[in-house]
C-alpha atoms as a PDB file:
ATOM      1  CA  MET A   1     -31.881 -31.437  10.789  1.00  0.00           C
ATOM      2  CA  ASP A   2     -32.570 -31.809  14.529  1.00  0.00           C
ATOM      3  CA  GLU A   3     -35.922 -33.313  15.514  1.00  0.00           C
ATOM      4  CA  PHE A   4     -37.745 -33.511  18.873  1.00  0.00           C
ATOM      5  CA  ARG A   5     -40.831 -35.438  19.921  1.00  0.00           C
ATOM      6  CA  PHE A   6     -42.731 -36.990  22.831  1.00  0.00           C
ATOM      7  CA  ALA A   7     -43.181 -40.711  22.236  1.00  0.00           C
ATOM      8  CA  HIS A   8     -46.111 -40.759  24.752  1.00  0.00           C
ATOM      9  CA  ALA A   9     -47.526 -37.280  24.261  1.00  0.00           C
ATOM     10  CA  TRP A  10     -50.828 -38.398  25.833  1.00  0.00           C
ATOM     11  CA  ALA A  11     -49.093 -38.191  29.247  1.00  0.00           C
ATOM     12  CA  LEU A  12     -48.477 -34.439  29.036  1.00  0.00           C
ATOM     13  CA  PRO A  13     -51.983 -33.441  30.319  1.00  0.00           C
ATOM     14  CA  LEU A  14     -51.010 -35.166  33.556  1.00  0.00           C
ATOM     15  CA  LEU A  15     -48.848 -32.103  34.222  1.00  0.00           C
ATOM     16  CA  LEU A  16     -52.068 -30.154  34.807  1.00  0.00           C
ATOM     17  CA  LEU A  17     -53.323 -32.851  37.168  1.00  0.00           C
ATOM     18  CA  ALA A  18     -50.012 -32.842  39.033  1.00  0.00           C
ATOM     19  CA  GLY A  19     -50.185 -29.040  39.324  1.00  0.00           C
ATOM     20  CA  TRP A  20     -53.724 -29.190  40.697  1.00  0.00           C
ATOM     21  CA  VAL A  21     -52.795 -31.843  43.293  1.00  0.00           C
ATOM     22  CA  ILE A  22     -49.745 -29.847  44.383  1.00  0.00           C
ATOM     23  CA  TRP A  23     -51.774 -26.631  44.683  1.00  0.00           C
ATOM     24  CA  LYS A  24     -54.541 -28.260  46.685  1.00  0.00           C
ATOM     25  CA  GLY A  25     -52.069 -29.965  48.991  1.00  0.00           C
ATOM     26  CA  ARG A  26     -50.085 -26.768  49.559  1.00  0.00           C
ATOM     27  CA  TRP A  27     -53.037 -24.573  50.504  1.00  0.00           C
ATOM     28  CA  ARG A  28     -55.121 -27.104  52.407  1.00  0.00           C
ATOM     29  CA  ARG A  29     -52.264 -28.334  54.552  1.00  0.00           C
ATOM     30  CA  ARG A  30     -52.684 -27.421  58.232  1.00  0.00           C
ATOM     31  CA  ILE A  31     -49.546 -25.568  59.245  1.00  0.00           C
ATOM     32  CA  PRO A  32     -48.816 -25.978  62.985  1.00  0.00           C
ATOM     33  CA  ALA A  33     -48.493 -22.660  64.767  1.00  0.00           C
ATOM     34  CA  ARG A  34     -47.913 -21.204  68.216  1.00  0.00           C
ATOM     35  CA  LEU A  35     -49.694 -18.260  69.691  1.00  0.00           C
ATOM     36  CA  TYR A  36     -47.611 -15.214  70.518  1.00  0.00           C
ATOM     37  CA  GLY A  37     -48.603 -12.545  72.927  1.00  0.00           C
ATOM     38  CA  ASP A  38     -47.212  -9.848  70.664  1.00  0.00           C
ATOM     39  CA  VAL A  39     -46.616 -10.628  66.960  1.00  0.00           C
ATOM     40  CA  ARG A  40     -44.316  -7.612  66.649  1.00  0.00           C
ATOM     41  CA  LEU A  41     -41.654  -9.728  68.328  1.00  0.00           C
ATOM     42  CA  THR A  42     -41.532 -11.977  65.251  1.00  0.00           C
ATOM     43  CA  ARG A  43     -40.749  -9.063  62.956  1.00  0.00           C
ATOM     44  CA  THR A  44     -37.501  -8.298  64.692  1.00  0.00           C
ATOM     45  CA  SER A  45     -36.418 -11.914  65.147  1.00  0.00           C
ATOM     46  CA  VAL A  46     -33.497 -13.285  63.101  1.00  0.00           C
ATOM     47  CA  ARG A  47     -34.588 -15.683  60.357  1.00  0.00           C
ATOM     48  CA  SER A  48     -32.474 -18.843  60.386  1.00  0.00           C
ATOM     49  CA  TRP A  49     -31.544 -20.833  57.260  1.00  0.00           C
ATOM     50  CA  LYS A  50     -34.196 -23.383  58.199  1.00  0.00           C
ATOM     51  CA  VAL A  51     -36.847 -20.714  58.015  1.00  0.00           C
ATOM     52  CA  ARG A  52     -35.537 -19.387  54.727  1.00  0.00           C
ATOM     53  CA  LEU A  53     -35.390 -22.878  53.140  1.00  0.00           C
ATOM     54  CA  HIS A  54     -38.652 -24.125  54.588  1.00  0.00           C
ATOM     55  CA  PRO A  55     -40.481 -23.981  51.183  1.00  0.00           C
ATOM     56  CA  LEU A  56     -37.699 -26.045  49.521  1.00  0.00           C
ATOM     57  CA  PRO A  57     -39.090 -29.534  50.280  1.00  0.00           C
ATOM     58  CA  ASP A  58     -42.443 -28.570  48.767  1.00  0.00           C
ATOM     59  CA  ALA A  59     -40.676 -27.204  45.695  1.00  0.00           C
ATOM     60  CA  LEU A  60     -38.657 -30.428  45.355  1.00  0.00           C
ATOM     61  CA  ARG A  61     -41.811 -32.526  45.584  1.00  0.00           C
ATOM     62  CA  ALA A  62     -43.513 -30.406  42.916  1.00  0.00           C
ATOM     63  CA  ALA A  63     -40.447 -30.670  40.674  1.00  0.00           C
ATOM     64  CA  SER A  64     -40.282 -34.438  41.131  1.00  0.00           C
ATOM     65  CA  TRP A  65     -43.932 -34.859  40.149  1.00  0.00           C
ATOM     66  CA  CYS A  66     -43.457 -32.741  37.012  1.00  0.00           C
ATOM     67  CA  LEU A  67     -40.292 -34.614  36.071  1.00  0.00           C
ATOM     68  CA  LEU A  68     -42.035 -37.964  36.536  1.00  0.00           C
ATOM     69  CA  VAL A  69     -44.783 -36.882  34.140  1.00  0.00           C
ATOM     70  CA  LEU A  70     -42.188 -35.716  31.584  1.00  0.00           C
ATOM     71  CA  ALA A  71     -40.366 -39.036  31.887  1.00  0.00           C
ATOM     72  CA  LEU A  72     -43.650 -40.846  31.283  1.00  0.00           C
ATOM     73  CA  ALA A  73     -44.131 -38.756  28.111  1.00  0.00           C
ATOM     74  CA  ARG A  74     -40.678 -39.965  26.921  1.00  0.00           C
ATOM     75  CA  PRO A  75     -39.099 -36.928  25.248  1.00  0.00           C
ATOM     76  CA  GLN A  76     -36.796 -37.957  22.387  1.00  0.00           C
ATOM     77  CA  ALA A  77     -34.332 -36.074  20.212  1.00  0.00           C
ATOM     78  CA  GLY A  78     -32.519 -37.051  17.054  1.00  0.00           C
ATOM     79  CA  THR A  79     -31.066 -35.912  13.753  1.00  0.00           C
ATOM     80  CA  ALA A  80     -33.219 -36.635  10.720  1.00  0.00           C
ATOM     81  CA  GLN A  81     -32.166 -37.162   7.138  1.00  0.00           C
ATOM     82  CA  GLU A  82     -34.544 -35.546   4.700  1.00  0.00           C
ATOM     83  CA  VAL A  83     -36.553 -37.623   2.257  1.00  0.00           C
ATOM     84  CA  ILE A  84     -35.197 -37.098  -1.245  1.00  0.00           C
ATOM     85  CA  ARG A  85     -37.354 -37.847  -4.247  1.00  0.00           C
ATOM     86  CA  GLY A  86     -36.286 -37.295  -7.800  1.00  0.00           C
ATOM     87  CA  GLU A  87     -35.272 -38.938 -11.027  1.00  0.00           C
ATOM     88  CA  GLY A  88     -31.732 -39.970 -11.868  1.00  0.00           C
ATOM     89  CA  ILE A  89     -29.368 -41.743 -14.232  1.00  0.00           C
ATOM     90  CA  ASP A  90     -26.703 -44.337 -13.466  1.00  0.00           C
ATOM     91  CA  ILE A  91     -23.324 -42.948 -14.554  1.00  0.00           C
ATOM     92  CA  VAL A  92     -19.925 -44.635 -14.364  1.00  0.00           C
ATOM     93  CA  PHE A  93     -16.716 -42.732 -15.044  1.00  0.00           C
ATOM     94  CA  ALA A  94     -13.890 -44.768 -16.573  1.00  0.00           C
ATOM     95  CA  LEU A  95     -10.682 -42.831 -15.890  1.00  0.00           C
ATOM     96  CA  ASP A  96      -7.332 -43.503 -17.523  1.00  0.00           C
ATOM     97  CA  ILE A  97      -4.406 -43.423 -15.036  1.00  0.00           C
ATOM     98  CA  SER A  98      -1.653 -44.565 -17.426  1.00  0.00           C
ATOM     99  CA  THR A  99       1.714 -42.789 -17.772  1.00  0.00           C
ATOM    100  CA  SER A 100       0.584 -40.789 -20.786  1.00  0.00           C
ATOM    101  CA  MET A 101      -1.897 -38.983 -18.522  1.00  0.00           C
ATOM    102  CA  ALA A 102       1.113 -37.282 -16.897  1.00  0.00           C
ATOM    103  CA  ALA A 103       1.503 -34.964 -19.908  1.00  0.00           C
ATOM    104  CA  LEU A 104       1.371 -31.313 -18.876  1.00  0.00           C
ATOM    105  CA  ASP A 105      -1.076 -30.054 -21.495  1.00  0.00           C
ATOM    106  CA  PHE A 106      -2.821 -27.852 -18.961  1.00  0.00           C
ATOM    107  CA  GLN A 107       0.038 -26.533 -16.857  1.00  0.00           C
ATOM    108  CA  PRO A 108       0.328 -26.533 -13.938  1.00  0.00           C
ATOM    109  CA  LEU A 109      -2.058 -29.520 -14.122  1.00  0.00           C
ATOM    110  CA  ASN A 110      -1.349 -32.720 -15.987  1.00  0.00           C
ATOM    111  CA  ARG A 111      -3.972 -34.650 -17.925  1.00  0.00           C
ATOM    112  CA  LEU A 112      -4.990 -36.813 -14.975  1.00  0.00           C
ATOM    113  CA  GLU A 113      -5.522 -33.866 -12.643  1.00  0.00           C
ATOM    114  CA  THR A 114      -7.471 -32.089 -15.379  1.00  0.00           C
ATOM    115  CA  ALA A 115      -9.676 -35.166 -15.820  1.00  0.00           C
ATOM    116  CA  LYS A 116     -10.295 -35.263 -12.064  1.00  0.00           C
ATOM    117  CA  VAL A 117     -11.366 -31.616 -12.158  1.00  0.00           C
ATOM    118  CA  VAL A 118     -13.717 -32.407 -15.066  1.00  0.00           C
ATOM    119  CA  ILE A 119     -15.323 -35.271 -13.109  1.00  0.00           C
ATOM    120  CA  GLY A 120     -15.528 -33.187  -9.931  1.00  0.00           C
ATOM    121  CA  ASP A 121     -17.294 -30.354 -11.764  1.00  0.00           C
ATOM    122  CA  PHE A 122     -19.690 -32.827 -13.337  1.00  0.00           C
ATOM    123  CA  VAL A 123     -20.512 -34.514 -10.012  1.00  0.00           C
ATOM    124  CA  ALA A 124     -21.075 -31.097  -8.390  1.00  0.00           C
ATOM    125  CA  GLY A 125     -23.993 -30.574 -10.764  1.00  0.00           C
ATOM    126  CA  ARG A 126     -25.654 -33.929  -9.982  1.00  0.00           C
ATOM    127  CA  GLU A 127     -28.524 -34.312  -7.533  1.00  0.00           C
ATOM    128  CA  PHE A 128     -30.211 -37.683  -8.053  1.00  0.00           C
ATOM    129  CA  ASP A 129     -27.796 -39.517 -10.373  1.00  0.00           C
ATOM    130  CA  ARG A 130     -25.955 -42.546  -9.006  1.00  0.00           C
ATOM    131  CA  ILE A 131     -22.231 -42.212  -9.695  1.00  0.00           C
ATOM    132  CA  GLY A 132     -19.544 -44.899  -9.957  1.00  0.00           C
ATOM    133  CA  VAL A 133     -15.833 -44.658 -10.748  1.00  0.00           C
ATOM    134  CA  VAL A 134     -13.556 -47.139 -12.524  1.00  0.00           C
ATOM    135  CA  VAL A 135      -9.833 -46.499 -13.008  1.00  0.00           C
ATOM    136  CA  TYR A 136      -7.656 -48.342 -15.485  1.00  0.00           C
ATOM    137  CA  ALA A 137      -4.219 -48.590 -17.066  1.00  0.00           C
ATOM    138  CA  ARG A 138      -3.204 -52.054 -18.390  1.00  0.00           C
ATOM    139  CA  SER A 139      -5.995 -53.480 -16.212  1.00  0.00           C
ATOM    140  CA  ALA A 140      -9.070 -51.927 -14.593  1.00  0.00           C
ATOM    141  CA  TYR A 141     -10.718 -52.033 -11.192  1.00  0.00           C
ATOM    142  CA  THR A 142     -13.750 -50.465  -9.509  1.00  0.00           C
ATOM    143  CA  LEU A 143     -12.883 -47.555  -7.253  1.00  0.00           C
ATOM    144  CA  VAL A 144     -16.425 -46.472  -6.283  1.00  0.00           C
ATOM    145  CA  PRO A 145     -19.583 -48.558  -6.876  1.00  0.00           C
ATOM    146  CA  LEU A 146     -22.761 -46.796  -7.939  1.00  0.00           C
ATOM    147  CA  THR A 147     -23.777 -44.458  -5.128  1.00  0.00           C
ATOM    148  CA  LEU A 148     -25.679 -41.281  -4.276  1.00  0.00           C
ATOM    149  CA  ASP A 149     -22.995 -40.357  -1.755  1.00  0.00           C
ATOM    150  CA  TYR A 150     -21.215 -37.663  -3.732  1.00  0.00           C
ATOM    151  CA  GLN A 151     -18.836 -36.879  -0.881  1.00  0.00           C
ATOM    152  CA  THR A 152     -17.476 -40.425  -1.152  1.00  0.00           C
ATOM    153  CA  VAL A 153     -16.978 -39.902  -4.882  1.00  0.00           C
ATOM    154  CA  ARG A 154     -15.101 -36.644  -4.330  1.00  0.00           C
ATOM    155  CA  THR A 155     -12.901 -38.213  -1.647  1.00  0.00           C
ATOM    156  CA  ALA A 156     -12.063 -41.109  -3.965  1.00  0.00           C
ATOM    157  CA  LEU A 157     -11.220 -38.695  -6.785  1.00  0.00           C
ATOM    158  CA  ASP A 158      -8.769 -36.831  -4.550  1.00  0.00           C
ATOM    159  CA  GLY A 159      -6.878 -40.078  -3.919  1.00  0.00           C
ATOM    160  CA  ILE A 160      -6.453 -41.130  -7.554  1.00  0.00           C
ATOM    161  CA  ARG A 161      -2.822 -41.262  -8.718  1.00  0.00           C
ATOM    162  CA  LEU A 162      -0.958 -42.286 -11.862  1.00  0.00           C
ATOM    163  CA  VAL A 163      -0.282 -46.003 -12.123  1.00  0.00           C
ATOM    164  CA  THR A 164       3.464 -45.366 -11.820  1.00  0.00           C
ATOM    165  CA  GLU A 165       2.853 -43.754  -8.409  1.00  0.00           C
ATOM    166  CA  LEU A 166       0.961 -46.739  -7.012  1.00  0.00           C
ATOM    167  CA  ARG A 167       2.626 -49.140  -4.633  1.00  0.00           C
ATOM    168  CA  THR A 168       2.885 -52.765  -5.717  1.00  0.00           C
ATOM    169  CA  THR A 169       4.054 -55.854  -3.858  1.00  0.00           C
ATOM    170  CA  GLY A 170       6.730 -56.539  -6.435  1.00  0.00           C
ATOM    171  CA  GLY A 171       7.763 -52.916  -6.701  1.00  0.00           C
ATOM    172  CA  ASN A 172       7.468 -52.958 -10.526  1.00  0.00           C
ATOM    173  CA  GLN A 173       4.884 -50.295 -11.329  1.00  0.00           C
ATOM    174  CA  SER A 174       5.886 -50.153 -14.997  1.00  0.00           C
ATOM    175  CA  ALA A 175       4.474 -53.665 -15.468  1.00  0.00           C
ATOM    176  CA  LEU A 176       1.022 -52.217 -14.719  1.00  0.00           C
ATOM    177  CA  ASP A 177       1.385 -49.397 -17.229  1.00  0.00           C
ATOM    178  CA  GLY A 178      -0.562 -49.240 -20.445  1.00  0.00           C
ATOM    179  CA  THR A 179      -3.806 -47.806 -21.811  1.00  0.00           C
ATOM    180  CA  ALA A 180      -6.547 -50.411 -22.050  1.00  0.00           C
ATOM    181  CA  SER A 181      -9.578 -48.216 -22.659  1.00  0.00           C
ATOM    182  CA  GLY A 182     -11.593 -51.214 -23.896  1.00  0.00           C
ATOM    183  CA  VAL A 183     -10.988 -53.033 -20.611  1.00  0.00           C
ATOM    184  CA  GLY A 184     -12.029 -49.898 -18.721  1.00  0.00           C
ATOM    185  CA  LEU A 185     -15.285 -49.788 -20.681  1.00  0.00           C
ATOM    186  CA  LEU A 186     -16.046 -53.477 -20.063  1.00  0.00           C
ATOM    187  CA  THR A 187     -15.349 -53.121 -16.327  1.00  0.00           C
ATOM    188  CA  SER A 188     -17.666 -50.104 -16.203  1.00  0.00           C
ATOM    189  CA  ALA A 189     -20.379 -52.057 -18.025  1.00  0.00           C
ATOM    190  CA  ALA A 190     -20.000 -54.931 -15.539  1.00  0.00           C
ATOM    191  CA  LEU A 191     -20.511 -52.437 -12.705  1.00  0.00           C
ATOM    192  CA  MET A 192     -23.970 -51.749 -14.131  1.00  0.00           C
ATOM    193  CA  ARG A 193     -24.980 -55.380 -14.546  1.00  0.00           C
ATOM    194  CA  GLU A 194     -27.577 -55.139 -11.758  1.00  0.00           C
ATOM    195  CA  SER A 195     -28.729 -51.612 -12.544  1.00  0.00           C
ATOM    196  CA  THR A 196     -32.449 -51.137 -13.140  1.00  0.00           C
ATOM    197  CA  ALA A 197     -32.125 -47.518 -14.270  1.00  0.00           C
ATOM    198  CA  ARG A 198     -33.846 -46.526 -17.476  1.00  0.00           C
ATOM    199  CA  SER A 199     -30.702 -44.738 -18.643  1.00  0.00           C
ATOM    200  CA  LYS A 200     -27.195 -46.073 -18.067  1.00  0.00           C
ATOM    201  CA  VAL A 201     -24.145 -44.082 -19.128  1.00  0.00           C
ATOM    202  CA  ILE A 202     -20.383 -44.635 -19.218  1.00  0.00           C
ATOM    203  CA  ILE A 203     -18.159 -41.579 -19.526  1.00  0.00           C
ATOM    204  CA  LEU A 204     -14.653 -42.512 -20.612  1.00  0.00           C
ATOM    205  CA  LEU A 205     -11.893 -39.966 -19.907  1.00  0.00           C
ATOM    206  CA  THR A 206      -8.580 -40.729 -21.584  1.00  0.00           C
ATOM    207  CA  ASP A 207      -5.966 -39.427 -23.998  1.00  0.00           C
ATOM    208  CA  GLY A 208      -7.296 -42.062 -26.383  1.00  0.00           C
ATOM    209  CA  ALA A 209      -4.085 -43.875 -27.298  1.00  0.00           C
ATOM    210  CA  THR A 210      -5.134 -47.476 -26.592  1.00  0.00           C
ATOM    211  CA  ASN A 211      -2.138 -49.825 -26.591  1.00  0.00           C
ATOM    212  CA  SER A 212      -3.391 -52.783 -24.566  1.00  0.00           C
ATOM    213  CA  GLY A 213      -6.432 -55.010 -24.226  1.00  0.00           C
ATOM    214  CA  ILE A 214      -9.567 -54.962 -26.360  1.00  0.00           C
ATOM    215  CA  ASP A 215     -10.370 -52.244 -28.888  1.00  0.00           C
ATOM    216  CA  PRO A 216     -12.538 -49.562 -27.229  1.00  0.00           C
ATOM    217  CA  GLY A 217     -14.879 -49.583 -30.231  1.00  0.00           C
ATOM    218  CA  LEU A 218     -15.703 -53.252 -29.687  1.00  0.00           C
ATOM    219  CA  ALA A 219     -16.125 -52.657 -25.947  1.00  0.00           C
ATOM    220  CA  ALA A 220     -18.474 -49.747 -26.653  1.00  0.00           C
ATOM    221  CA  GLU A 221     -20.479 -51.961 -28.997  1.00  0.00           C
ATOM    222  CA  ALA A 222     -20.824 -54.597 -26.260  1.00  0.00           C
ATOM    223  CA  ALA A 223     -21.931 -51.920 -23.782  1.00  0.00           C
ATOM    224  CA  ALA A 224     -24.500 -50.597 -26.260  1.00  0.00           C
ATOM    225  CA  ALA A 225     -25.923 -54.124 -26.591  1.00  0.00           C
ATOM    226  CA  LEU A 226     -26.601 -53.983 -22.843  1.00  0.00           C
ATOM    227  CA  GLY A 227     -28.459 -50.684 -23.183  1.00  0.00           C
ATOM    228  CA  ILE A 228     -25.542 -48.553 -21.983  1.00  0.00           C
ATOM    229  CA  ARG A 229     -24.590 -45.332 -23.742  1.00  0.00           C
ATOM    230  CA  VAL A 230     -20.897 -44.492 -24.056  1.00  0.00           C
ATOM    231  CA  PHE A 231     -19.697 -40.891 -23.953  1.00  0.00           C
ATOM    232  CA  THR A 232     -15.993 -40.200 -24.431  1.00  0.00           C
ATOM    233  CA  ILE A 233     -13.936 -37.200 -23.365  1.00  0.00           C
ATOM    234  CA  GLY A 234     -10.498 -36.617 -24.814  1.00  0.00           C
ATOM    235  CA  VAL A 235      -8.056 -35.183 -22.283  1.00  0.00           C
ATOM    236  CA  GLY A 236      -5.134 -33.560 -24.056  1.00  0.00           C
ATOM    237  CA  ARG A 237      -4.084 -31.307 -26.909  1.00  0.00           C
ATOM    238  CA  PRO A 238      -2.551 -32.112 -30.277  1.00  0.00           C
ATOM    239  CA  GLY A 239       1.105 -31.422 -31.109  1.00  0.00           C
ATOM    240  CA  GLN A 240       4.098 -31.539 -28.793  1.00  0.00           C
ATOM    241  CA  VAL A 241       3.379 -31.501 -25.073  1.00  0.00           C
ATOM    242  CA  PRO A 242       5.680 -31.423 -22.021  1.00  0.00           C
ATOM    243  CA  ILE A 243       5.865 -34.503 -19.812  1.00  0.00           C
ATOM    244  CA  PRO A 244       8.183 -35.482 -16.927  1.00  0.00           C
ATOM    245  CA  ASP A 245      10.540 -38.384 -17.657  1.00  0.00           C
ATOM    246  CA  GLU A 246      11.726 -41.061 -15.202  1.00  0.00           C
ATOM    247  CA  ASP A 247      14.286 -38.655 -13.728  1.00  0.00           C
ATOM    248  CA  GLY A 248      11.721 -35.921 -13.226  1.00  0.00           C
ATOM    249  CA  GLU A 249      13.045 -33.798 -16.086  1.00  0.00           C
ATOM    250  CA  ILE A 250      10.522 -32.112 -18.362  1.00  0.00           C
ATOM    251  CA  VAL A 251      10.793 -33.261 -21.976  1.00  0.00           C
ATOM    252  CA  LEU A 252       8.681 -32.660 -25.073  1.00  0.00           C
ATOM    253  CA  ILE A 253       6.871 -35.540 -26.748  1.00  0.00           C
ATOM    254  CA  GLU A 254       4.306 -35.789 -29.509  1.00  0.00           C
ATOM    255  CA  SER A 255       0.788 -35.886 -28.076  1.00  0.00           C
ATOM    256  CA  ASP A 256      -0.810 -39.305 -28.270  1.00  0.00           C
ATOM    257  CA  LEU A 257      -4.385 -38.023 -28.092  1.00  0.00           C
ATOM    258  CA  ASP A 258      -6.385 -40.252 -30.427  1.00  0.00           C
ATOM    259  CA  GLU A 259      -9.582 -38.327 -31.038  1.00  0.00           C
ATOM    260  CA  ALA A 260     -10.586 -40.541 -33.954  1.00  0.00           C
ATOM    261  CA  ALA A 261     -10.699 -43.651 -31.722  1.00  0.00           C
ATOM    262  CA  LEU A 262     -12.679 -41.819 -29.070  1.00  0.00           C
ATOM    263  CA  GLN A 263     -15.132 -40.485 -31.663  1.00  0.00           C
ATOM    264  CA  ARG A 264     -15.591 -43.988 -33.081  1.00  0.00           C
ATOM    265  CA  ALA A 265     -16.254 -45.488 -29.636  1.00  0.00           C
ATOM    266  CA  ALA A 266     -18.814 -42.771 -28.865  1.00  0.00           C
ATOM    267  CA  ASP A 267     -20.585 -43.297 -32.199  1.00  0.00           C
ATOM    268  CA  VAL A 268     -20.800 -47.060 -31.702  1.00  0.00           C
ATOM    269  CA  GLY A 269     -21.897 -46.615 -28.082  1.00  0.00           C
ATOM    270  CA  GLY A 270     -24.744 -44.272 -28.961  1.00  0.00           C
ATOM    271  CA  GLY A 271     -23.168 -41.287 -27.221  1.00  0.00           C
ATOM    272  CA  ARG A 272     -20.995 -38.345 -28.211  1.00  0.00           C
ATOM    273  CA  TYR A 273     -17.363 -37.311 -28.081  1.00  0.00           C
ATOM    274  CA  PHE A 274     -16.234 -34.161 -26.254  1.00  0.00           C
ATOM    275  CA  SER A 275     -12.912 -32.436 -25.708  1.00  0.00           C
ATOM    276  CA  ALA A 276     -11.720 -31.584 -22.212  1.00  0.00           C
ATOM    277  CA  ALA A 277      -9.866 -28.623 -23.681  1.00  0.00           C
ATOM    278  CA  ASP A 278     -13.189 -26.977 -24.486  1.00  0.00           C
ATOM    279  CA  PRO A 279     -15.310 -25.855 -21.509  1.00  0.00           C
ATOM    280  CA  ASP A 280     -18.302 -25.415 -23.806  1.00  0.00           C
ATOM    281  CA  GLY A 281     -17.899 -29.037 -24.853  1.00  0.00           C
ATOM    282  CA  LEU A 282     -18.073 -30.206 -21.256  1.00  0.00           C
ATOM    283  CA  ALA A 283     -21.239 -28.182 -20.705  1.00  0.00           C
ATOM    284  CA  ALA A 284     -22.689 -29.792 -23.829  1.00  0.00           C
ATOM    285  CA  ALA A 285     -21.824 -33.251 -22.438  1.00  0.00           C
ATOM    286  CA  ALA A 286     -23.690 -32.553 -19.203  1.00  0.00           C
ATOM    287  CA  SER A 287     -26.643 -31.153 -21.152  1.00  0.00           C
ATOM    288  CA  ALA A 288     -26.785 -34.206 -23.445  1.00  0.00           C
ATOM    289  CA  ILE A 289     -26.767 -36.598 -20.486  1.00  0.00           C
ATOM    290  CA  ASP A 290     -29.433 -34.573 -18.667  1.00  0.00           C
ATOM    291  CA  ARG A 291     -31.803 -35.099 -21.588  1.00  0.00           C
ATOM    292  CA  LEU A 292     -31.757 -38.878 -21.164  1.00  0.00           C
ATOM    293  CA  GLU A 293     -34.705 -40.713 -19.621  1.00  0.00           C
ATOM    294  CA  ARG A 294     -34.476 -40.852 -15.853  1.00  0.00           C
ATOM    295  CA  THR A 295     -35.447 -43.314 -13.137  1.00  0.00           C
ATOM    296  CA  PRO A 296     -37.331 -42.307  -9.943  1.00  0.00           C
ATOM    297  CA  VAL A 297     -35.019 -42.161  -6.918  1.00  0.00           C
ATOM    298  CA  ARG A 298     -36.055 -42.035  -3.270  1.00  0.00           C
ATOM    299  CA  ARG A 299     -34.220 -41.960   0.021  1.00  0.00           C
ATOM    300  CA  GLN A 300     -35.896 -42.993   3.250  1.00  0.00           C
ATOM    301  CA  VAL A 301     -35.895 -40.871   6.397  1.00  0.00           C
ATOM    302  CA  TYR A 302     -33.701 -42.268   9.157  1.00  0.00           C
ATOM    303  CA  ILE A 303     -33.811 -40.765  12.647  1.00  0.00           C
ATOM    304  CA  PRO A 304     -31.655 -42.305  15.383  1.00  0.00           C
ATOM    305  CA  TRP A 305     -33.823 -41.252  18.333  1.00  0.00           C
ATOM    306  CA  ARG A 306     -32.121 -40.589  21.676  1.00  0.00           C
ATOM    307  CA  ASP A 307     -34.462 -41.158  24.654  1.00  0.00           C
ATOM    308  CA  TRP A 308     -34.205 -38.632  27.510  1.00  0.00           C
ATOM    309  CA  ALA A 309     -36.673 -40.439  29.803  1.00  0.00           C
ATOM    310  CA  PRO A 310     -34.011 -42.295  31.887  1.00  0.00           C
ATOM    311  CA  THR A 311     -32.162 -39.037  32.557  1.00  0.00           C
ATOM    312  CA  ILE A 312     -35.338 -37.186  33.569  1.00  0.00           C
ATOM    313  CA  LEU A 313     -36.443 -40.120  35.733  1.00  0.00           C
ATOM    314  CA  GLY A 314     -33.099 -39.990  37.531  1.00  0.00           C
ATOM    315  CA  MET A 315     -33.587 -36.274  38.173  1.00  0.00           C
ATOM    316  CA  ALA A 316     -37.063 -36.925  39.599  1.00  0.00           C
ATOM    317  CA  LEU A 317     -35.756 -39.591  41.960  1.00  0.00           C
ATOM    318  CA  ALA A 318     -32.961 -37.247  43.039  1.00  0.00           C
ATOM    319  CA  CYS A 319     -35.547 -34.564  43.902  1.00  0.00           C
ATOM    320  CA  LEU A 320     -37.620 -37.072  45.921  1.00  0.00           C
ATOM    321  CA  PHE A 321     -34.569 -38.239  47.814  1.00  0.00           C
ATOM    322  CA  ALA A 322     -33.527 -34.654  48.551  1.00  0.00           C
ATOM    323  CA  GLU A 323     -37.036 -33.839  49.818  1.00  0.00           C
ATOM    324  CA  TRP A 324     -37.026 -36.881  52.126  1.00  0.00           C
ATOM    325  CA  ALA A 325     -33.564 -36.026  53.455  1.00  0.00           C
ATOM    326  CA  LEU A 326     -34.527 -32.408  54.190  1.00  0.00           C
ATOM    327  CA  ARG A 327     -37.780 -33.335  55.949  1.00  0.00           C
ATOM    328  CA  THR A 328     -36.115 -36.091  57.970  1.00  0.00           C
ATOM    329  CA  PHE A 329     -32.848 -34.507  59.053  1.00  0.00           C
ATOM    330  CA  ALA A 330     -33.103 -30.744  58.582  1.00  0.00           C
ATOM    331  CA  PHE A 331     -36.659 -29.679  59.437  1.00  0.00           C
ATOM    332  CA  ASP A 332     -38.447 -30.567  62.621  1.00  0.00           C
ATOM    333  CA  SER A 333     -42.197 -31.020  62.755  1.00  0.00           C
ATOM    334  CA  VAL A 334     -44.099 -29.099  65.409  1.00  0.00           C
ATOM    335  CA  PRO A 335     -46.597 -31.335  67.208  1.00  0.00           C
END
C-alpha cells in the first residue's frame, strides 16, 4: 500500500513562523503614495496589468518561504509491503513429465495438465507455506526452489511441458523419456537439505509406473530418515485410456497407473496416498498436510522511499527567481 511521511516533521511548525513573518512584513510595510486633489479621479482610471499584478511578488515570496519549509521537512512517499507473520510448512512438489503423462484420462486435459491444475489449486489455498517444484522424467531437476512467492510458482507451472516437447541440443527428446519417480523424490529431498522447518513434505504426482532409476519406496525411506514426509497422488484412471501417438493420432492403451507402488511409497514415507480422480481425496490431502506442525514465518516491511524535497526546493527557488525578476524589471519603486 502507498505510504507518506515527513522525514523531518519537526520542521513543519516553521510554517507558522513563516506565516507570521509574512503577515507582519505585509502589513507593516510603508507603501509609497501620492496625494491626489480628488480621489474620485482614481475610480475612473484604467487599471493597467502592473496594477492588477502588483500583489504577485508578495505572493511568490510567501509561496517560496512555505515551499522552503516543506523541503526542510523532507516529504517522502513509497509503496510498503505488509509484514506477514504466520506458521508454515516446507512443501516440494515432484511432478512427472514423462510421455505416459500425455494420456487423456481427463479429456480434454491429459494427466500432466490435470496434475498442474491439482498443484495450482493446492497452492491457491496456501498462505505461509514455502513451495518448491521439481520436475522429472528419466532425470530430475529443480524448477522452483522453496519460496513464498506463489505467483512465481504459478508462472512456472504454466510453463511445464511433457519431456517429449522440450528442446534438446541433440534433438533427441526420447532419450530423456522415462519415469524415475525415485530420482524425483531424492531431488526433492535434496532441495530441503537446508530447511529448518519443523515439518517438511514432498508431494509426488505421477501415474506411478516407475521404469527408470531407484525404486520410489527406497527413495521415500531415505526421505523419511531425513524427517521428510512423502505424500503421493496418482494421476490417472485404471483400464484403457486414450493417448496421442508419435503421429498425433489418438490410440487406446492400457493405463499404467501403479497405485500399489504409490501407496507403498506413501506408507514408507510416513504420508498418505490420494487419487487425483477424486476431488474429495485431494481435499483430504490438503487437510492432512494442514494438521502437521508448522514453523513461524515472517516477512519484513520494505519501503523504497522517494524523496520529494529536491523537487519542492526547485519550486521554491523558481518562485524566488520569479519574484526578483518581477520586482527588478516589471514594477517600478516610487521614491
